[in-house]
Amino acid sequence: MSLIGTPNSAPSKVQAPMVDVVTGYMACMAGLVKLHAWEKDGLGGHLDVSLIAELLASNAMHCPEVEMA
């Protein structure tokens, strides 16, 4: 919460559940990539989208010491 707000006020919370929105966006993009691959080579696959992975990825720009494995 310390990243949001104005300099003269207390920190404020994000209005939308940003982790859910970003995870949905990434799931959509992964689905489109898999659909393109299916049209190209006819192979199906499994998509795994994690809320915690997207949370860490979206916070990586604010916490440069965090490394994604």
Protein backbone atom coordinates (compact mmCIF):
# COMPACT_ATOMS: atom_id res chain seq x y z
CA MET A 1 0.00 0.00 0.00
CA SER A 2 2.95 2.35 0.38
CA LEU A 3 3.32 2.63 -3.42
CA ILE A 4 -0.08 4.27 -3.94
CA GLY A 5 -1.42 7.59 -2.72
CA THR A 6 -0.45 11.22 -2.69
CA PRO A 7 2.60 12.60 -0.86
CA ASN A 8 0.42 14.48 1.65
CA SER A 9 -1.94 11.63 2.54
CA ALA A 10 -1.85 8.14 3.97
CA PRO A 11 -1.28 5.16 1.63
CA SER A 12 -4.38 3.90 -0.12
CA LYS A 13 -5.46 0.51 -1.37
CA VAL A 14 -5.86 -0.45 -5.02
CA GLN A 15 -9.52 -0.26 -6.00
CA ALA A 16 -9.53 -3.29 -8.30
CA PRO A 17 -8.12 -6.74 -7.49
CA MET A 18 -5.06 -6.17 -9.67
CA VAL A 19 -3.57 -9.65 -9.22
CA ASP A 20 -6.79 -11.21 -10.52
CA VAL A 21 -6.90 -8.82 -13.48
CA VAL A 22 -3.25 -9.39 -14.42
CA THR A 23 -3.62 -13.17 -14.05
CA GLY A 24 -6.67 -13.12 -16.31
CA TYR A 25 -4.77 -11.08 -18.86
CA MET A 26 -1.83 -13.49 -18.80
CA ALA A 27 -4.19 -16.48 -19.08
CA CYS A 28 -5.80 -14.88 -22.13
CA MET A 29 -2.42 -14.23 -23.76
CA ALA A 30 -1.24 -17.78 -22.99
CA GLY A 31 -4.44 -19.15 -24.52
CA LEU A 32 -3.92 -17.13 -27.69
CA VAL A 33 -0.31 -18.32 -27.98
CA LYS A 34 -1.40 -21.95 -27.48
CA LEU A 35 -4.18 -21.51 -30.07
CA HIS A 36 -1.66 -20.17 -32.57
CA ALA A 37 0.66 -23.12 -31.89
CA TRP A 38 -2.27 -25.55 -32.28
CA GLU A 39 -3.17 -24.05 -35.66
CA LYS A 40 0.49 -24.27 -36.72
CA ASP A 41 1.39 -27.83 -35.64
CA GLY A 42 -1.89 -29.38 -34.45
CA LEU A 43 -0.63 -30.17 -30.96
CA GLY A 44 -2.66 -29.40 -27.87
CA GLY A 45 -1.27 -28.56 -24.49
CA HIS A 46 -1.83 -27.57 -20.90
CA LEU A 47 -1.81 -24.01 -19.56
CA ASP A 48 -0.95 -23.29 -15.95
CA VAL A 49 -1.41 -19.72 -14.74
CA SER A 50 -0.59 -18.97 -11.11
CA LEU A 51 -1.85 -16.03 -9.07
CA ILE A 52 1.31 -15.95 -6.96
CA ALA A 53 3.58 -16.01 -10.02
CA GLU A 54 1.72 -13.07 -11.52
CA LEU A 55 1.85 -11.23 -8.20
CA LEU A 56 5.62 -11.66 -8.03
CA ALA A 57 6.05 -10.71 -11.70
CA SER A 58 3.97 -7.55 -11.33
CA ASN A 59 5.86 -6.54 -8.18
CA ALA A 60 9.28 -7.24 -9.70
CA MET A 61 9.56 -3.68 -11.02
CA HIS A 62 9.11 -2.33 -7.48
CA CYS A 63 11.38 -4.93 -5.82
CA PRO A 64 14.44 -5.39 -8.02
CA GLU A 65 16.05 -7.77 -5.50
CA VAL A 66 13.35 -10.41 -6.14
CA GLU A 67 14.47 -12.97 -8.72
CA MET A 68 12.01 -15.05 -10.71
CA ALA A 69 13.05 -18.69 -10.97
